[in-house]
Amino acid sequence: MSRKLRHSAIWDAIDDLAARHKLTPSGLARKAGLDPTAFNKSKRLGKDGRERWPSMESIAKVLDATGTDLSAFLSADDGNAGYNGAPPTGAFPPQPSTIPLLGLARAGTGGFFDDGGFPVGQGWDEVDFPAPARASQSVYALEVQGESMLPLYRDGDVLIVEANAETRKGDRVVVKTLEGEVMAKVLVRRTSRQIELMSINPAHDNLTFDLSAVEWIARIIWASQ
């Protein structure tokens, strides 16, 4: 039975993540480059008793700092987060409630992105997702179509992508080449001249491109599965 994302569960998941890395919640916040008080108990409820949620930006930073997968963090079977495969719902701080959505197969047809990989133009749908205000213009969603990315991503899964996010080895990324091909891969290596990508589907070979042949690279920050 699916469960909704609960306020207490998401904070419990943060506490559990800190404990697994032998850190206090304050230590986890410092490790992620956040204010050390960001995850304090006092920050979890407002003075009026209303629930306060950690921002998606804060969660992304702690997951990046600890090398933790977001989908695993949110779908823990031990009740930590109770993720049901849909974008989060609840009393998040005021943030855009929807982001642009496009089928991955259409992403390379032209007219949907500017030169930096930011979503533009007509023909986009929308999906609910509480993007941080800082990144609201650069976060969008791509819907997986077909079975080319099995077993990790299935037909109908939604990839949440940030256009201007920094990328590093091991990140899952979406890459668009100057020839118009758009692909979701794992970043293996990047130099000043080339980029090496590992296919998500093990049946497909790794790819190497000259950076001069790449129009843009964006990081997958979440997958709704």
N, C-alpha and C. Protein backbone atom coordinates (compact mmCIF):
# COMPACT_ATOMS: atom_id res chain seq x y z
N MET A 1 0.86 -1.19 0.00
CA MET A 1 0.00 0.00 0.00
C MET A 1 0.89 1.24 0.00
N SER A 2 0.62 2.20 -0.88
CA SER A 2 1.44 3.40 -0.94
C SER A 2 1.17 4.28 0.26
N ARG A 3 2.22 5.08 0.59
CA ARG A 3 2.10 5.98 1.72
C ARG A 3 2.52 7.37 1.30
N LYS A 4 1.92 8.38 1.91
CA LYS A 4 2.28 9.74 1.61
C LYS A 4 3.55 10.12 2.36
N LEU A 5 4.25 11.08 1.79
CA LEU A 5 5.43 11.61 2.45
C LEU A 5 4.98 12.35 3.71
N ARG A 6 5.53 11.93 4.86
CA ARG A 6 5.13 12.52 6.14
C ARG A 6 6.24 13.40 6.70
N HIS A 7 5.84 14.45 7.39
CA HIS A 7 6.79 15.39 7.98
C HIS A 7 7.75 14.68 8.92
N SER A 8 7.22 13.88 9.84
CA SER A 8 8.08 13.20 10.81
C SER A 8 9.00 12.19 10.12
N ALA A 9 8.49 11.57 9.06
CA ALA A 9 9.28 10.54 8.37
C ALA A 9 10.49 11.13 7.67
N ILE A 10 10.33 12.29 7.03
CA ILE A 10 11.46 12.87 6.31
C ILE A 10 12.53 13.34 7.28
N TRP A 11 12.12 13.85 8.44
CA TRP A 11 13.11 14.26 9.44
C TRP A 11 13.78 13.03 10.05
N ASP A 12 13.02 11.97 10.25
CA ASP A 12 13.61 10.72 10.75
C ASP A 12 14.63 10.18 9.76
N ALA A 13 14.35 10.33 8.46
CA ALA A 13 15.28 9.86 7.44
C ALA A 13 16.58 10.65 7.49
N ILE A 14 16.48 11.95 7.74
CA ILE A 14 17.69 12.78 7.86
C ILE A 14 18.49 12.36 9.09
N ASP A 15 17.80 12.13 10.20
CA ASP A 15 18.49 11.67 11.42
C ASP A 15 19.17 10.34 11.20
N ASP A 16 18.48 9.44 10.48
CA ASP A 16 19.04 8.13 10.20
C ASP A 16 20.25 8.23 9.29
N LEU A 17 20.19 9.12 8.30
CA LEU A 17 21.32 9.32 7.40
C LEU A 17 22.53 9.83 8.17
N ALA A 18 22.30 10.76 9.09
CA ALA A 18 23.39 11.27 9.92
C ALA A 18 24.00 10.15 10.76
N ALA A 19 23.15 9.33 11.37
CA ALA A 19 23.63 8.25 12.24
C ALA A 19 24.45 7.23 11.45
N ARG A 20 24.01 6.94 10.22
CA ARG A 20 24.74 5.96 9.39
C ARG A 20 26.14 6.43 9.05
N HIS A 21 26.31 7.75 9.04
CA HIS A 21 27.63 8.31 8.76
C HIS A 21 28.33 8.78 10.03
N LYS A 22 27.81 8.33 11.17
CA LYS A 22 28.40 8.62 12.47
C LYS A 22 28.51 10.13 12.70
N LEU A 23 27.43 10.82 12.37
CA LEU A 23 27.37 12.26 12.52
C LEU A 23 26.12 12.64 13.32
N THR A 24 26.15 13.78 13.94
CA THR A 24 24.95 14.37 14.48
C THR A 24 24.23 15.09 13.35
N PRO A 25 22.95 15.45 13.53
CA PRO A 25 22.30 16.24 12.48
C PRO A 25 23.06 17.53 12.16
N SER A 26 23.65 18.15 13.17
CA SER A 26 24.45 19.35 12.93
C SER A 26 25.69 19.02 12.11
N GLY A 27 26.31 17.89 12.43
CA GLY A 27 27.48 17.47 11.68
C GLY A 27 27.15 17.16 10.23
N LEU A 28 25.99 16.57 10.01
CA LEU A 28 25.55 16.28 8.65
C LEU A 28 25.34 17.58 7.88
N ALA A 29 24.73 18.57 8.53
CA ALA A 29 24.51 19.87 7.89
C ALA A 29 25.84 20.52 7.52
N ARG A 30 26.80 20.48 8.43
CA ARG A 30 28.12 21.06 8.14
C ARG A 30 28.80 20.34 6.98
N LYS A 31 28.69 19.01 6.97
CA LYS A 31 29.30 18.22 5.90
C LYS A 31 28.75 18.61 4.53
N ALA A 32 27.48 19.01 4.52
CA ALA A 32 26.83 19.38 3.26
C ALA A 32 26.99 20.86 2.94
N GLY A 33 27.72 21.59 3.79
CA GLY A 33 27.92 23.01 3.56
C GLY A 33 26.74 23.88 3.94
N LEU A 34 25.88 23.35 4.82
CA LEU A 34 24.71 24.09 5.28
C LEU A 34 24.97 24.73 6.63
N ASP A 35 24.07 25.60 7.04
CA ASP A 35 24.12 26.15 8.39
C ASP A 35 24.05 24.99 9.38
N PRO A 36 24.95 24.93 10.38
CA PRO A 36 24.95 23.80 11.32
C PRO A 36 23.63 23.60 12.06
N THR A 37 22.80 24.64 12.13
CA THR A 37 21.52 24.52 12.84
C THR A 37 20.37 24.11 11.91
N ALA A 38 20.68 23.86 10.64
CA ALA A 38 19.62 23.63 9.66
C ALA A 38 18.71 22.47 10.02
N PHE A 39 19.28 21.42 10.67
CA PHE A 39 18.49 20.24 10.99
C PHE A 39 18.21 20.09 12.48
N ASN A 40 18.40 21.17 13.23
CA ASN A 40 18.12 21.11 14.65
C ASN A 40 16.65 20.83 14.92
N LYS A 41 16.38 20.19 16.05
CA LYS A 41 15.00 19.88 16.41
C LYS A 41 14.14 21.14 16.44
N SER A 42 14.74 22.25 16.85
CA SER A 42 13.98 23.50 16.97
C SER A 42 13.55 24.05 15.62
N LYS A 43 14.19 23.57 14.53
CA LYS A 43 13.86 24.07 13.20
C LYS A 43 12.73 23.28 12.54
N ARG A 44 12.24 22.24 13.21
CA ARG A 44 11.30 21.34 12.57
C ARG A 44 9.84 21.73 12.79
N LEU A 45 9.63 22.65 13.70
CA LEU A 45 8.30 23.20 13.94
C LEU A 45 8.41 24.71 14.08
N GLY A 46 7.45 25.44 13.54
CA GLY A 46 7.44 26.87 13.72
C GLY A 46 6.97 27.26 15.11
N LYS A 47 7.10 28.52 15.44
CA LYS A 47 6.67 29.00 16.75
C LYS A 47 5.18 28.79 16.97
N ASP A 48 4.44 28.74 15.87
CA ASP A 48 2.99 28.54 15.97
C ASP A 48 2.63 27.06 15.95
N GLY A 49 3.66 26.18 15.95
CA GLY A 49 3.41 24.75 15.97
C GLY A 49 3.25 24.12 14.60
N ARG A 50 3.30 24.92 13.55
CA ARG A 50 3.15 24.37 12.19
C ARG A 50 4.42 23.63 11.78
N GLU A 51 4.22 22.57 11.01
CA GLU A 51 5.35 21.76 10.56
C GLU A 51 6.22 22.53 9.58
N ARG A 52 7.53 22.42 9.77
CA ARG A 52 8.48 23.02 8.83
C ARG A 52 9.26 21.89 8.16
N TRP A 53 9.40 21.96 6.85
CA TRP A 53 10.05 20.92 6.08
C TRP A 53 11.44 21.37 5.62
N PRO A 54 12.38 20.44 5.52
CA PRO A 54 13.66 20.80 4.91
C PRO A 54 13.45 21.07 3.43
N SER A 55 14.20 22.00 2.87
CA SER A 55 14.04 22.29 1.45
C SER A 55 14.63 21.17 0.60
N MET A 56 14.16 21.07 -0.63
CA MET A 56 14.73 20.09 -1.55
C MET A 56 16.20 20.37 -1.80
N GLU A 57 16.58 21.65 -1.78
CA GLU A 57 17.99 22.00 -1.98
C GLU A 57 18.84 21.44 -0.85
N SER A 58 18.35 21.53 0.40
CA SER A 58 19.10 20.99 1.53
C SER A 58 19.24 19.48 1.44
N ILE A 59 18.14 18.81 1.07
CA ILE A 59 18.18 17.36 0.93
C ILE A 59 19.16 16.96 -0.16
N ALA A 60 19.12 17.68 -1.28
CA ALA A 60 20.03 17.36 -2.38
C ALA A 60 21.48 17.51 -1.95
N LYS A 61 21.77 18.52 -1.15
CA LYS A 61 23.15 18.75 -0.72
C LYS A 61 23.64 17.65 0.23
N VAL A 62 22.79 17.19 1.15
CA VAL A 62 23.24 16.15 2.08
C VAL A 62 23.39 14.81 1.36
N LEU A 63 22.52 14.56 0.39
CA LEU A 63 22.65 13.31 -0.36
C LEU A 63 23.92 13.33 -1.21
N ASP A 64 24.22 14.48 -1.77
CA ASP A 64 25.44 14.61 -2.57
C ASP A 64 26.67 14.46 -1.67
N ALA A 65 26.62 15.07 -0.49
CA ALA A 65 27.77 15.02 0.42
C ALA A 65 28.03 13.63 0.96
N THR A 66 26.98 12.82 1.07
CA THR A 66 27.14 11.48 1.63
C THR A 66 27.11 10.39 0.57
N GLY A 67 26.92 10.76 -0.69
CA GLY A 67 26.87 9.77 -1.76
C GLY A 67 25.66 8.87 -1.68
N THR A 68 24.55 9.41 -1.19
CA THR A 68 23.33 8.62 -0.99
C THR A 68 22.36 8.85 -2.14
N ASP A 69 21.72 7.79 -2.61
CA ASP A 69 20.74 7.88 -3.69
C ASP A 69 19.42 8.39 -3.15
N LEU A 70 18.85 9.39 -3.81
CA LEU A 70 17.62 10.01 -3.32
C LEU A 70 16.44 9.06 -3.32
N SER A 71 16.30 8.26 -4.38
CA SER A 71 15.15 7.36 -4.43
C SER A 71 15.21 6.35 -3.29
N ALA A 72 16.42 5.87 -2.96
CA ALA A 72 16.55 4.94 -1.84
C ALA A 72 16.26 5.64 -0.52
N PHE A 73 16.71 6.89 -0.41
CA PHE A 73 16.46 7.68 0.80
C PHE A 73 14.96 7.84 1.06
N LEU A 74 14.20 8.07 -0.02
CA LEU A 74 12.78 8.33 0.13
C LEU A 74 11.91 7.09 0.14
N SER A 75 12.44 5.97 -0.32
CA SER A 75 11.61 4.77 -0.41
C SER A 75 12.00 3.71 0.59
N ALA A 76 12.69 4.11 1.65
CA ALA A 76 13.12 3.15 2.66
C ALA A 76 11.93 2.38 3.21
N ASP A 77 12.06 1.06 3.24
CA ASP A 77 10.97 0.22 3.71
C ASP A 77 10.79 0.23 5.21
N ASP A 78 11.76 0.83 5.91
CA ASP A 78 11.66 0.83 7.37
C ASP A 78 10.78 1.97 7.88
N GLY A 79 10.12 2.68 6.94
CA GLY A 79 9.18 3.73 7.36
C GLY A 79 9.80 5.09 7.48
N ASN A 80 11.08 5.23 7.11
CA ASN A 80 11.72 6.52 7.27
C ASN A 80 11.04 7.61 6.48
N ALA A 81 10.73 7.35 5.20
CA ALA A 81 10.22 8.44 4.39
C ALA A 81 8.91 8.14 3.71
N GLY A 82 8.59 6.89 3.49
CA GLY A 82 7.31 6.55 2.93
C GLY A 82 7.05 7.12 1.56
N TYR A 83 8.04 7.11 0.70
CA TYR A 83 7.87 7.65 -0.65
C TYR A 83 7.01 6.70 -1.48
N ASN A 84 6.03 7.22 -2.20
CA ASN A 84 5.12 6.37 -2.95
C ASN A 84 5.30 6.46 -4.46
N GLY A 85 6.44 7.02 -4.90
CA GLY A 85 6.72 7.11 -6.32
C GLY A 85 6.21 8.37 -6.97
N ALA A 86 5.58 9.26 -6.20
CA ALA A 86 5.08 10.52 -6.74
C ALA A 86 5.87 11.66 -6.15
N PRO A 87 5.85 12.84 -6.79
CA PRO A 87 6.53 13.99 -6.22
C PRO A 87 6.00 14.29 -4.83
N PRO A 88 6.83 14.90 -3.95
CA PRO A 88 6.44 15.15 -2.57
C PRO A 88 5.21 16.03 -2.47
N THR A 89 4.44 15.81 -1.41
CA THR A 89 3.31 16.67 -1.10
C THR A 89 3.41 17.08 0.36
N GLY A 90 2.74 18.17 0.73
CA GLY A 90 2.77 18.57 2.13
C GLY A 90 3.10 20.04 2.26
N ALA A 91 3.35 20.46 3.50
CA ALA A 91 3.54 21.87 3.81
C ALA A 91 4.98 22.30 3.59
N PHE A 92 5.47 22.20 2.35
CA PHE A 92 6.79 22.70 2.03
C PHE A 92 6.76 24.23 2.08
N PRO A 93 7.92 24.85 2.27
CA PRO A 93 7.97 26.31 2.18
C PRO A 93 7.48 26.74 0.80
N PRO A 94 7.01 27.98 0.65
CA PRO A 94 6.48 28.43 -0.63
C PRO A 94 7.49 28.24 -1.75
N GLN A 95 7.15 27.46 -2.74
CA GLN A 95 8.01 27.15 -3.87
C GLN A 95 7.13 26.89 -5.08
N PRO A 96 7.71 26.99 -6.29
CA PRO A 96 6.89 26.64 -7.46
C PRO A 96 6.35 25.22 -7.32
N SER A 97 5.08 25.04 -7.65
CA SER A 97 4.45 23.73 -7.44
C SER A 97 4.54 22.84 -8.66
N THR A 98 4.90 23.40 -9.82
CA THR A 98 5.01 22.60 -11.02
C THR A 98 6.29 22.95 -11.76
N ILE A 99 6.78 21.97 -12.53
CA ILE A 99 7.93 22.19 -13.41
C ILE A 99 7.59 21.65 -14.79
N PRO A 100 8.31 22.09 -15.83
CA PRO A 100 8.01 21.60 -17.19
C PRO A 100 8.31 20.11 -17.32
N LEU A 101 7.51 19.44 -18.13
CA LEU A 101 7.65 18.00 -18.38
C LEU A 101 7.66 17.75 -19.87
N LEU A 102 8.59 16.89 -20.32
CA LEU A 102 8.70 16.56 -21.73
C LEU A 102 9.11 15.10 -21.86
N GLY A 103 8.58 14.42 -22.86
CA GLY A 103 9.01 13.06 -23.13
C GLY A 103 10.45 13.05 -23.61
N LEU A 104 11.24 12.14 -23.07
CA LEU A 104 12.67 12.09 -23.39
C LEU A 104 12.90 11.93 -24.89
N ALA A 105 12.03 11.19 -25.56
CA ALA A 105 12.20 10.95 -26.99
C ALA A 105 12.03 12.23 -27.81
N ARG A 106 11.30 13.21 -27.27
CA ARG A 106 11.06 14.47 -28.00
C ARG A 106 12.14 15.50 -27.72
N ALA A 107 12.97 15.25 -26.70
CA ALA A 107 13.90 16.27 -26.24
C ALA A 107 14.94 16.65 -27.28
N GLY A 108 15.21 15.77 -28.22
CA GLY A 108 16.22 16.06 -29.22
C GLY A 108 15.67 16.62 -30.51
N THR A 109 14.37 16.88 -30.58
CA THR A 109 13.77 17.29 -31.84
C THR A 109 13.91 18.78 -32.12
N GLY A 110 14.38 19.55 -31.14
CA GLY A 110 14.62 20.97 -31.36
C GLY A 110 13.51 21.85 -30.86
N GLY A 111 13.89 23.03 -30.37
CA GLY A 111 12.93 24.03 -29.94
C GLY A 111 12.53 23.96 -28.49
N PHE A 112 13.04 22.97 -27.75
CA PHE A 112 12.65 22.81 -26.35
C PHE A 112 13.70 23.30 -25.36
N PHE A 113 14.93 23.57 -25.82
CA PHE A 113 16.00 24.00 -24.93
C PHE A 113 16.80 25.13 -25.57
N ASP A 114 17.33 26.01 -24.71
CA ASP A 114 18.28 26.99 -25.24
C ASP A 114 19.67 26.37 -25.26
N ASP A 115 20.67 27.16 -25.62
CA ASP A 115 22.02 26.62 -25.76
C ASP A 115 22.61 26.12 -24.46
N GLY A 116 22.08 26.61 -23.32
CA GLY A 116 22.58 26.19 -22.02
C GLY A 116 21.85 25.00 -21.44
N GLY A 117 20.84 24.49 -22.16
CA GLY A 117 20.08 23.35 -21.67
C GLY A 117 18.90 23.72 -20.81
N PHE A 118 18.51 25.00 -20.80
CA PHE A 118 17.35 25.44 -20.04
C PHE A 118 16.09 25.26 -20.87
N PRO A 119 14.99 24.83 -20.25
CA PRO A 119 13.74 24.60 -21.01
C PRO A 119 13.15 25.89 -21.55
N VAL A 120 12.78 25.87 -22.82
CA VAL A 120 12.18 27.05 -23.46
C VAL A 120 11.10 26.55 -24.43
N GLY A 121 10.38 27.47 -25.02
CA GLY A 121 9.46 27.15 -26.10
C GLY A 121 8.15 26.54 -25.64
N GLN A 122 7.37 26.13 -26.63
CA GLN A 122 6.05 25.57 -26.40
C GLN A 122 6.12 24.04 -26.46
N GLY A 123 5.01 23.41 -26.05
CA GLY A 123 4.91 21.96 -26.16
C GLY A 123 5.25 21.20 -24.90
N TRP A 124 5.62 21.92 -23.85
CA TRP A 124 5.91 21.27 -22.58
C TRP A 124 4.61 20.99 -21.83
N ASP A 125 4.58 19.89 -21.11
CA ASP A 125 3.51 19.63 -20.16
C ASP A 125 4.01 20.09 -18.79
N GLU A 126 3.33 19.72 -17.72
CA GLU A 126 3.78 20.08 -16.38
C GLU A 126 3.62 18.89 -15.45
N VAL A 127 4.44 18.87 -14.39
CA VAL A 127 4.33 17.85 -13.36
C VAL A 127 4.57 18.53 -12.01
N ASP A 128 3.90 18.09 -10.98
CA ASP A 128 4.08 18.66 -9.65
C ASP A 128 5.45 18.30 -9.11
N PHE A 129 6.18 19.31 -8.64
CA PHE A 129 7.47 19.08 -7.99
C PHE A 129 7.88 20.37 -7.31
N PRO A 130 8.23 20.32 -6.00
CA PRO A 130 8.59 21.54 -5.27
C PRO A 130 10.03 21.94 -5.51
N ALA A 131 10.33 22.51 -6.66
CA ALA A 131 11.70 22.93 -6.97
C ALA A 131 12.11 24.08 -6.08
N PRO A 132 13.36 24.09 -5.59
CA PRO A 132 13.84 25.23 -4.83
C PRO A 132 13.73 26.51 -5.65
N ALA A 133 13.38 27.61 -5.00
CA ALA A 133 13.20 28.86 -5.73
C ALA A 133 14.45 29.24 -6.50
N ARG A 134 15.61 28.97 -5.93
CA ARG A 134 16.88 29.30 -6.58
C ARG A 134 17.02 28.62 -7.93
N ALA A 135 16.45 27.42 -8.04
CA ALA A 135 16.64 26.61 -9.25
C ALA A 135 15.37 26.48 -10.07
N SER A 136 14.35 27.29 -9.76
CA SER A 136 13.04 27.08 -10.37
C SER A 136 13.05 27.23 -11.89
N GLN A 137 13.97 28.01 -12.44
CA GLN A 137 14.01 28.20 -13.88
C GLN A 137 14.85 27.15 -14.58
N SER A 138 15.59 26.34 -13.81
CA SER A 138 16.50 25.38 -14.43
C SER A 138 16.11 23.93 -14.18
N VAL A 139 15.09 23.70 -13.36
CA VAL A 139 14.66 22.34 -13.06
C VAL A 139 13.49 21.96 -13.96
N TYR A 140 13.58 20.80 -14.57
CA TYR A 140 12.50 20.31 -15.42
C TYR A 140 12.46 18.79 -15.34
N ALA A 141 11.47 18.19 -15.99
CA ALA A 141 11.28 16.75 -15.91
C ALA A 141 11.27 16.14 -17.30
N LEU A 142 11.88 14.96 -17.42
CA LEU A 142 11.87 14.20 -18.67
C LEU A 142 11.26 12.83 -18.39
N GLU A 143 10.27 12.46 -19.16
CA GLU A 143 9.61 11.16 -18.97
C GLU A 143 10.27 10.10 -19.83
N VAL A 144 10.68 9.01 -19.19
CA VAL A 144 11.33 7.90 -19.90
C VAL A 144 10.30 7.23 -20.81
N GLN A 145 10.72 6.97 -22.03
CA GLN A 145 9.85 6.31 -22.99
C GLN A 145 10.59 5.12 -23.60
N GLY A 146 10.01 3.95 -23.49
CA GLY A 146 10.65 2.75 -23.99
C GLY A 146 11.45 2.03 -22.92
N GLU A 147 12.21 1.05 -23.34
CA GLU A 147 12.91 0.17 -22.41
C GLU A 147 14.43 0.25 -22.53
N SER A 148 14.93 1.29 -23.17
CA SER A 148 16.37 1.38 -23.42
C SER A 148 17.19 1.63 -22.16
N MET A 149 16.52 2.06 -21.06
CA MET A 149 17.26 2.35 -19.83
C MET A 149 16.96 1.37 -18.71
N LEU A 150 16.37 0.22 -19.07
CA LEU A 150 16.21 -0.83 -18.07
C LEU A 150 17.59 -1.36 -17.67
N PRO A 151 17.77 -1.84 -16.44
CA PRO A 151 16.74 -2.06 -15.42
C PRO A 151 16.53 -0.88 -14.47
N LEU A 152 17.32 0.19 -14.63
CA LEU A 152 17.24 1.29 -13.67
C LEU A 152 15.99 2.13 -13.87
N TYR A 153 15.72 2.52 -15.11
CA TYR A 153 14.58 3.36 -15.40
C TYR A 153 13.64 2.63 -16.36
N ARG A 154 12.36 2.67 -16.02
CA ARG A 154 11.36 1.99 -16.82
C ARG A 154 10.52 3.00 -17.60
N ASP A 155 9.80 2.49 -18.58
CA ASP A 155 8.89 3.33 -19.35
C ASP A 155 7.91 4.02 -18.41
N GLY A 156 7.81 5.34 -18.50
CA GLY A 156 6.90 6.09 -17.65
C GLY A 156 7.55 6.73 -16.44
N ASP A 157 8.77 6.31 -16.07
CA ASP A 157 9.48 6.95 -14.98
C ASP A 157 9.78 8.40 -15.35
N VAL A 158 9.84 9.27 -14.35
CA VAL A 158 10.10 10.69 -14.59
C VAL A 158 11.45 11.06 -13.97
N LEU A 159 12.31 11.64 -14.78
CA LEU A 159 13.62 12.09 -14.33
C LEU A 159 13.56 13.59 -14.07
N ILE A 160 13.89 14.00 -12.86
CA ILE A 160 13.95 15.42 -12.52
C ILE A 160 15.38 15.89 -12.77
N VAL A 161 15.53 16.91 -13.60
CA VAL A 161 16.83 17.33 -14.11
C VAL A 161 17.07 18.79 -13.76
N GLU A 162 18.32 19.12 -13.40
CA GLU A 162 18.69 20.51 -13.15
C GLU A 162 19.74 20.92 -14.17
N ALA A 163 19.43 21.97 -14.93
CA ALA A 163 20.27 22.34 -16.06
C ALA A 163 21.62 22.90 -15.65
N ASN A 164 21.68 23.67 -14.59
CA ASN A 164 22.93 24.35 -14.26
C ASN A 164 23.65 23.74 -13.07
N ALA A 165 23.32 22.51 -12.70
CA ALA A 165 23.95 21.87 -11.55
C ALA A 165 25.37 21.41 -11.92
N GLU A 166 26.29 21.50 -10.97
CA GLU A 166 27.62 20.98 -11.19
C GLU A 166 27.56 19.45 -11.27
N THR A 167 28.40 18.87 -12.09
CA THR A 167 28.43 17.42 -12.23
C THR A 167 29.80 16.89 -11.85
N ARG A 168 29.81 15.65 -11.39
CA ARG A 168 31.08 15.01 -11.04
C ARG A 168 30.97 13.52 -11.34
N LYS A 169 32.07 12.83 -11.26
CA LYS A 169 32.12 11.41 -11.57
C LYS A 169 31.06 10.65 -10.77
N GLY A 170 30.32 9.79 -11.46
CA GLY A 170 29.29 8.98 -10.81
C GLY A 170 27.90 9.57 -10.87
N ASP A 171 27.79 10.85 -11.26
CA ASP A 171 26.48 11.47 -11.38
C ASP A 171 25.71 10.88 -12.56
N ARG A 172 24.40 10.77 -12.40
CA ARG A 172 23.54 10.44 -13.52
C ARG A 172 23.19 11.74 -14.23
N VAL A 173 23.38 11.76 -15.52
CA VAL A 173 23.26 13.00 -16.27
C VAL A 173 22.42 12.79 -17.53
N VAL A 174 21.90 13.90 -18.04
CA VAL A 174 21.29 13.93 -19.37
C VAL A 174 22.20 14.77 -20.25
N VAL A 175 22.55 14.24 -21.40
CA VAL A 175 23.48 14.90 -22.31
C VAL A 175 22.80 15.10 -23.66
N LYS A 176 22.98 16.28 -24.24
CA LYS A 176 22.50 16.54 -25.59
C LYS A 176 23.70 16.85 -26.48
N THR A 177 23.84 16.16 -27.57
CA THR A 177 24.92 16.41 -28.51
C THR A 177 24.49 17.46 -29.53
N LEU A 178 25.46 18.01 -30.24
CA LEU A 178 25.15 19.01 -31.26
C LEU A 178 24.36 18.41 -32.41
N GLU A 179 24.41 17.08 -32.54
CA GLU A 179 23.63 16.41 -33.58
C GLU A 179 22.18 16.20 -33.16
N GLY A 180 21.83 16.59 -31.94
CA GLY A 180 20.44 16.51 -31.49
C GLY A 180 20.09 15.26 -30.71
N GLU A 181 21.07 14.40 -30.43
CA GLU A 181 20.79 13.20 -29.66
C GLU A 181 20.75 13.55 -28.17
N VAL A 182 19.72 13.08 -27.47
CA VAL A 182 19.59 13.29 -26.03
C VAL A 182 19.61 11.94 -25.34
N MET A 183 20.44 11.80 -24.33
CA MET A 183 20.61 10.51 -23.67
C MET A 183 20.81 10.69 -22.18
N ALA A 184 20.33 9.71 -21.41
CA ALA A 184 20.56 9.67 -19.95
C ALA A 184 21.65 8.64 -19.70
N LYS A 185 22.72 9.07 -19.04
CA LYS A 185 23.88 8.22 -18.82
C LYS A 185 24.45 8.47 -17.42
N VAL A 186 25.54 7.76 -17.11
CA VAL A 186 26.29 7.99 -15.88
C VAL A 186 27.63 8.60 -16.27
N LEU A 187 27.99 9.69 -15.63
CA LEU A 187 29.25 10.36 -15.94
C LEU A 187 30.42 9.56 -15.37
N VAL A 188 31.28 9.07 -16.24
CA VAL A 188 32.44 8.29 -15.83
C VAL A 188 33.67 9.16 -15.68
N ARG A 189 33.86 10.05 -16.64
CA ARG A 189 35.08 10.85 -16.64
C ARG A 189 34.87 12.08 -17.50
N ARG A 190 35.41 13.20 -17.04
CA ARG A 190 35.32 14.43 -17.83
C ARG A 190 36.65 15.15 -17.76
N THR A 191 37.21 15.48 -18.90
CA THR A 191 38.45 16.24 -18.99
C THR A 191 38.15 17.56 -19.69
N SER A 192 39.17 18.32 -19.95
CA SER A 192 38.98 19.59 -20.65
C SER A 192 38.59 19.39 -22.10
N ARG A 193 38.75 18.15 -22.61
CA ARG A 193 38.48 17.90 -24.02
C ARG A 193 37.40 16.85 -24.27
N GLN A 194 37.25 15.89 -23.36
CA GLN A 194 36.35 14.78 -23.62
C GLN A 194 35.46 14.46 -22.42
N ILE A 195 34.41 13.73 -22.72
CA ILE A 195 33.52 13.23 -21.68
C ILE A 195 33.25 11.75 -21.97
N GLU A 196 33.35 10.93 -20.92
CA GLU A 196 33.06 9.50 -21.05
C GLU A 196 31.80 9.19 -20.27
N LEU A 197 30.88 8.46 -20.90
CA LEU A 197 29.58 8.17 -20.31
C LEU A 197 29.34 6.66 -20.27
N MET A 198 28.79 6.20 -19.14
CA MET A 198 28.43 4.79 -19.01
C MET A 198 26.93 4.65 -19.23
N SER A 199 26.56 3.68 -20.04
CA SER A 199 25.15 3.45 -20.32
C SER A 199 24.44 2.88 -19.10
N ILE A 200 23.23 3.36 -18.84
CA ILE A 200 22.43 2.85 -17.73
C ILE A 200 22.01 1.41 -18.00
N ASN A 201 21.72 1.10 -19.24
CA ASN A 201 21.41 -0.26 -19.65
C ASN A 201 22.72 -0.99 -19.94
N PRO A 202 23.05 -2.06 -19.18
CA PRO A 202 24.33 -2.75 -19.37
C PRO A 202 24.50 -3.38 -20.74
N ALA A 203 23.42 -3.50 -21.50
CA ALA A 203 23.52 -4.07 -22.85
C ALA A 203 24.12 -3.08 -23.84
N HIS A 204 24.22 -1.81 -23.44
CA HIS A 204 24.75 -0.78 -24.32
C HIS A 204 26.17 -0.42 -23.92
N ASP A 205 27.01 -0.14 -24.88
CA ASP A 205 28.41 0.20 -24.62
C ASP A 205 28.54 1.61 -24.06
N ASN A 206 29.69 1.85 -23.38
CA ASN A 206 30.01 3.20 -22.96
C ASN A 206 30.28 4.08 -24.17
N LEU A 207 30.15 5.39 -23.98
CA LEU A 207 30.35 6.34 -25.07
C LEU A 207 31.36 7.40 -24.66
N THR A 208 32.14 7.86 -25.60
CA THR A 208 33.07 8.95 -25.38
C THR A 208 32.84 10.02 -26.43
N PHE A 209 32.69 11.27 -25.99
CA PHE A 209 32.47 12.39 -26.89
C PHE A 209 33.52 13.47 -26.65
N ASP A 210 33.91 14.14 -27.72
CA ASP A 210 34.63 15.39 -27.56
C ASP A 210 33.65 16.42 -27.00
N LEU A 211 34.10 17.24 -26.05
CA LEU A 211 33.21 18.24 -25.49
C LEU A 211 32.72 19.22 -26.55
N SER A 212 33.50 19.38 -27.60
CA SER A 212 33.08 20.26 -28.68
C SER A 212 31.85 19.75 -29.40
N ALA A 213 31.54 18.45 -29.22
CA ALA A 213 30.36 17.85 -29.85
C ALA A 213 29.16 17.81 -28.92
N VAL A 214 29.31 18.32 -27.69
CA VAL A 214 28.25 18.29 -26.69
C VAL A 214 27.65 19.68 -26.55
N GLU A 215 26.33 19.76 -26.68
CA GLU A 215 25.65 21.05 -26.54
C GLU A 215 25.47 21.42 -25.08
N TRP A 216 24.99 20.46 -24.26
CA TRP A 216 24.86 20.72 -22.83
C TRP A 216 24.79 19.42 -22.05
N ILE A 217 25.10 19.54 -20.76
CA ILE A 217 25.04 18.42 -19.82
C ILE A 217 24.24 18.89 -18.61
N ALA A 218 23.27 18.12 -18.17
CA ALA A 218 22.47 18.43 -17.00
C ALA A 218 22.48 17.24 -16.04
N ARG A 219 22.30 17.51 -14.77
CA ARG A 219 22.36 16.45 -13.77
C ARG A 219 20.97 15.99 -13.38
N ILE A 220 20.79 14.67 -13.30
CA ILE A 220 19.54 14.10 -12.79
C ILE A 220 19.57 14.19 -11.28
N ILE A 221 18.65 14.92 -10.69
CA ILE A 221 18.65 15.10 -9.24
C ILE A 221 17.63 14.23 -8.53
N TRP A 222 16.71 13.62 -9.29
CA TRP A 222 15.68 12.79 -8.69
C TRP A 222 15.05 11.95 -9.78
N ALA A 223 14.64 10.76 -9.44
CA ALA A 223 13.88 9.91 -10.36
C ALA A 223 12.63 9.45 -9.64
N SER A 224 11.46 9.74 -10.21
CA SER A 224 10.19 9.30 -9.66
C SER A 224 9.85 7.96 -10.29
N GLN A 225 9.91 6.89 -9.49
CA GLN A 225 9.75 5.54 -10.01
C GLN A 225 8.63 4.81 -9.32
